[in-house]
Amino acid sequence: MFCVLGSVPSAGGPLDTNAGAAGPVTARVADTALTSFTNFAQLETLEQVDLSTLTMTPAQEALAAACAGACLMCGRCANSCPAGVPVSDVMRIASYPDRPGWREFAADEFADLGVDSGRIAAACAGCTVCRGACPARHADADAVRQTVQRIGQAVA
């Protein structure tokens, strides 16, 4: 099964995933492609979709820029800190927007961790263990300290 949200015309008309790999498929306008395959012909059809012509709207580009370097929430940094700093929780909280409503939510989430912001800031020794665990290289001592400082001020 191949589901495309939006209009994805091929050379012969709408994309027909049951037709197999009959020819090149050009994606002109597609918002999202949700894939689930029941046979190899469907996979081969997907491989022929040309997504190089797709462009983002200005709003999508702004969102992508805002998310650059953001926490992937993969959890690889969890329990990585030798000092016991809850790095994955701090990085998740750091990803919340610094806007009214979100600030309070972030402060509540931080308070729910049950740890003192001063203890976290002092415990983070600046080693690079969490950064090494993070595939995006977003988690590090500076990010932890900045987040703790920002949220700690909101909690106080």
Protein backbone atom coordinates (compact mmCIF):
# COMPACT_ATOMS: atom_id res chain seq x y z
CA MET A 1 0.00 0.00 0.00
CA PHE A 2 1.31 3.44 -0.92
CA CYS A 3 -0.55 6.49 0.28
CA VAL A 4 0.32 9.97 -0.92
CA LEU A 5 -1.30 13.03 0.58
CA GLY A 6 -1.44 15.65 -2.13
CA SER A 7 -1.29 15.33 -5.89
CA VAL A 8 1.46 13.15 -7.33
CA PRO A 9 1.00 12.79 -11.09
CA SER A 10 3.08 10.40 -13.14
CA ALA A 11 3.75 10.51 -16.86
CA GLY A 12 0.55 8.54 -17.47
CA GLY A 13 -1.68 10.11 -14.83
CA PRO A 14 -2.12 9.62 -11.11
CA LEU A 15 0.31 7.33 -9.35
CA ASP A 16 -1.00 3.78 -9.51
CA THR A 17 0.91 1.63 -7.04
CA ASN A 18 -0.72 -1.51 -8.36
CA ALA A 19 0.74 -0.94 -11.82
CA GLY A 20 4.25 -1.79 -10.66
CA ALA A 21 7.34 -0.09 -12.08
CA ALA A 22 5.96 0.86 -15.48
CA GLY A 23 7.92 4.06 -15.83
CA PRO A 24 9.37 7.04 -14.03
CA VAL A 25 7.10 8.79 -11.59
CA THR A 26 7.51 12.52 -11.02
CA ALA A 27 6.20 14.02 -7.81
CA ARG A 28 5.11 17.58 -8.46
CA VAL A 29 3.01 18.36 -5.41
CA ALA A 30 3.09 16.09 -2.39
CA ASP A 31 2.76 17.02 1.22
CA THR A 32 3.42 13.65 2.80
CA ALA A 33 4.02 10.11 1.66
CA LEU A 34 2.97 7.33 4.00
CA THR A 35 4.33 4.00 2.94
CA SER A 36 3.50 0.42 3.72
CA PHE A 37 4.50 -2.26 1.25
CA THR A 38 2.87 -5.58 0.46
CA ASN A 39 5.15 -6.52 -2.45
CA PHE A 40 8.46 -5.57 -4.10
CA ALA A 41 6.76 -3.92 -7.09
CA GLN A 42 5.39 -1.25 -4.76
CA LEU A 43 8.86 -0.63 -3.35
CA GLU A 44 10.29 -0.31 -6.85
CA THR A 45 7.57 2.22 -7.71
CA LEU A 46 8.49 4.31 -4.69
CA GLU A 47 12.16 4.27 -5.69
CA GLN A 48 11.16 5.95 -8.97
CA VAL A 49 9.46 8.92 -7.33
CA ASP A 50 11.49 12.07 -8.00
CA LEU A 51 11.28 14.25 -4.89
CA SER A 52 14.03 16.62 -6.03
CA THR A 53 11.50 19.04 -7.48
CA LEU A 54 9.62 19.47 -4.23
CA THR A 55 10.10 22.74 -2.42
CA MET A 56 9.11 23.93 1.02
CA THR A 57 6.82 26.87 1.62
CA PRO A 58 8.34 29.83 3.49
CA ALA A 59 6.50 28.69 6.63
CA GLN A 60 7.93 25.17 6.30
CA GLU A 61 11.42 26.58 5.78
CA ALA A 62 11.05 28.75 8.90
CA LEU A 63 9.94 25.71 10.90
CA ALA A 64 12.85 23.63 9.59
CA ALA A 65 15.30 26.40 10.50
CA ALA A 66 13.80 26.69 13.97
CA CYS A 67 14.16 22.94 14.49
CA ALA A 68 17.75 22.76 13.26
CA GLY A 69 19.88 21.31 16.01
CA ALA A 70 16.84 20.42 18.08
CA CYS A 71 16.69 17.35 20.25
CA LEU A 72 15.66 14.26 18.29
CA MET A 73 14.23 12.76 21.50
CA CYS A 74 15.93 9.47 20.71
CA GLY A 75 16.91 8.93 24.35
CA ARG A 76 20.51 7.98 23.60
CA CYS A 77 21.77 10.54 26.10
CA ALA A 78 19.55 9.11 28.86
CA ASN A 79 21.68 7.80 31.70
CA SER A 80 24.83 8.87 29.86
CA CYS A 81 25.90 11.47 32.42
CA PRO A 82 28.41 10.10 34.93
CA ALA A 83 27.22 12.78 37.40
CA GLY A 84 23.60 11.64 37.12
CA VAL A 85 22.24 14.71 35.33
CA PRO A 86 18.96 13.74 33.59
CA VAL A 87 20.29 14.93 30.22
CA SER A 88 17.49 13.50 28.06
CA ASP A 89 14.83 15.19 30.20
CA VAL A 90 16.70 18.50 30.20
CA MET A 91 17.18 18.36 26.41
CA ARG A 92 13.50 17.55 25.88
CA ILE A 93 12.54 20.53 28.02
CA ALA A 94 15.07 22.68 26.14
CA SER A 95 13.18 21.98 22.91
CA TYR A 96 10.03 23.71 24.16
CA PRO A 97 9.53 27.18 22.65
CA ASP A 98 10.50 30.11 24.85
CA ARG A 99 7.05 31.67 24.64
CA PRO A 100 4.25 32.40 27.12
CA GLY A 101 2.41 29.23 28.01
CA TRP A 102 5.34 27.07 26.99
CA ARG A 103 7.61 28.67 29.62
CA GLU A 104 5.21 27.63 32.35
CA PHE A 105 4.84 24.16 30.87
CA ALA A 106 8.62 23.77 30.71
CA ALA A 107 8.96 24.98 34.30
CA ASP A 108 6.33 22.46 35.44
CA GLU A 109 8.07 19.65 33.54
CA PHE A 110 11.39 20.62 35.11
CA ALA A 111 9.81 20.74 38.58
CA ASP A 112 8.35 17.27 37.98
CA LEU A 113 11.91 15.95 37.58
CA GLY A 114 12.33 16.55 41.30
CA VAL A 115 15.86 17.85 40.98
CA ASP A 116 17.34 21.14 42.06
CA SER A 117 18.51 23.37 39.21
CA GLY A 118 21.56 24.42 41.24
CA ARG A 119 22.53 20.78 41.80
CA ILE A 120 22.25 20.01 38.09
CA ALA A 121 24.29 23.07 37.11
CA ALA A 122 26.96 22.16 39.65
CA ALA A 123 26.94 18.45 38.77
CA CYS A 124 27.43 19.04 35.06
CA ALA A 125 31.21 18.94 34.90
CA GLY A 126 31.52 19.75 31.22
CA CYS A 127 32.61 16.31 30.11
CA THR A 128 31.50 15.31 26.61
CA VAL A 129 29.83 11.99 27.38
CA CYS A 130 26.30 13.20 26.60
CA ARG A 131 27.48 14.95 23.42
CA GLY A 132 29.11 11.72 22.28
CA ALA A 133 25.86 9.85 22.90
CA CYS A 134 23.75 12.38 20.98
CA PRO A 135 23.44 11.65 17.22
CA ALA A 136 22.58 15.32 16.57
CA ARG A 137 25.45 16.48 18.82
CA HIS A 138 22.88 18.76 20.46
CA ALA A 139 23.24 17.50 24.02
CA ASP A 140 26.27 18.96 25.70
CA ALA A 141 27.31 20.73 28.89
CA ASP A 142 26.54 24.21 27.54
CA ALA A 143 23.05 23.24 26.39
CA VAL A 144 22.33 21.56 29.74
CA ARG A 145 23.57 24.55 31.73
CA GLN A 146 21.72 27.11 29.58
CA THR A 147 18.48 25.17 29.82
CA VAL A 148 18.81 24.66 33.57
CA GLN A 149 19.54 28.36 34.01
CA ARG A 150 16.58 29.43 31.84
CA ILE A 151 14.13 26.98 33.42
CA GLY A 152 15.56 27.36 36.90
CA GLN A 153 14.84 31.09 36.77
CA ALA A 154 11.26 30.38 35.71
CA VAL A 155 10.80 27.86 38.55
CA ALA A 156 12.22 30.23 41.20
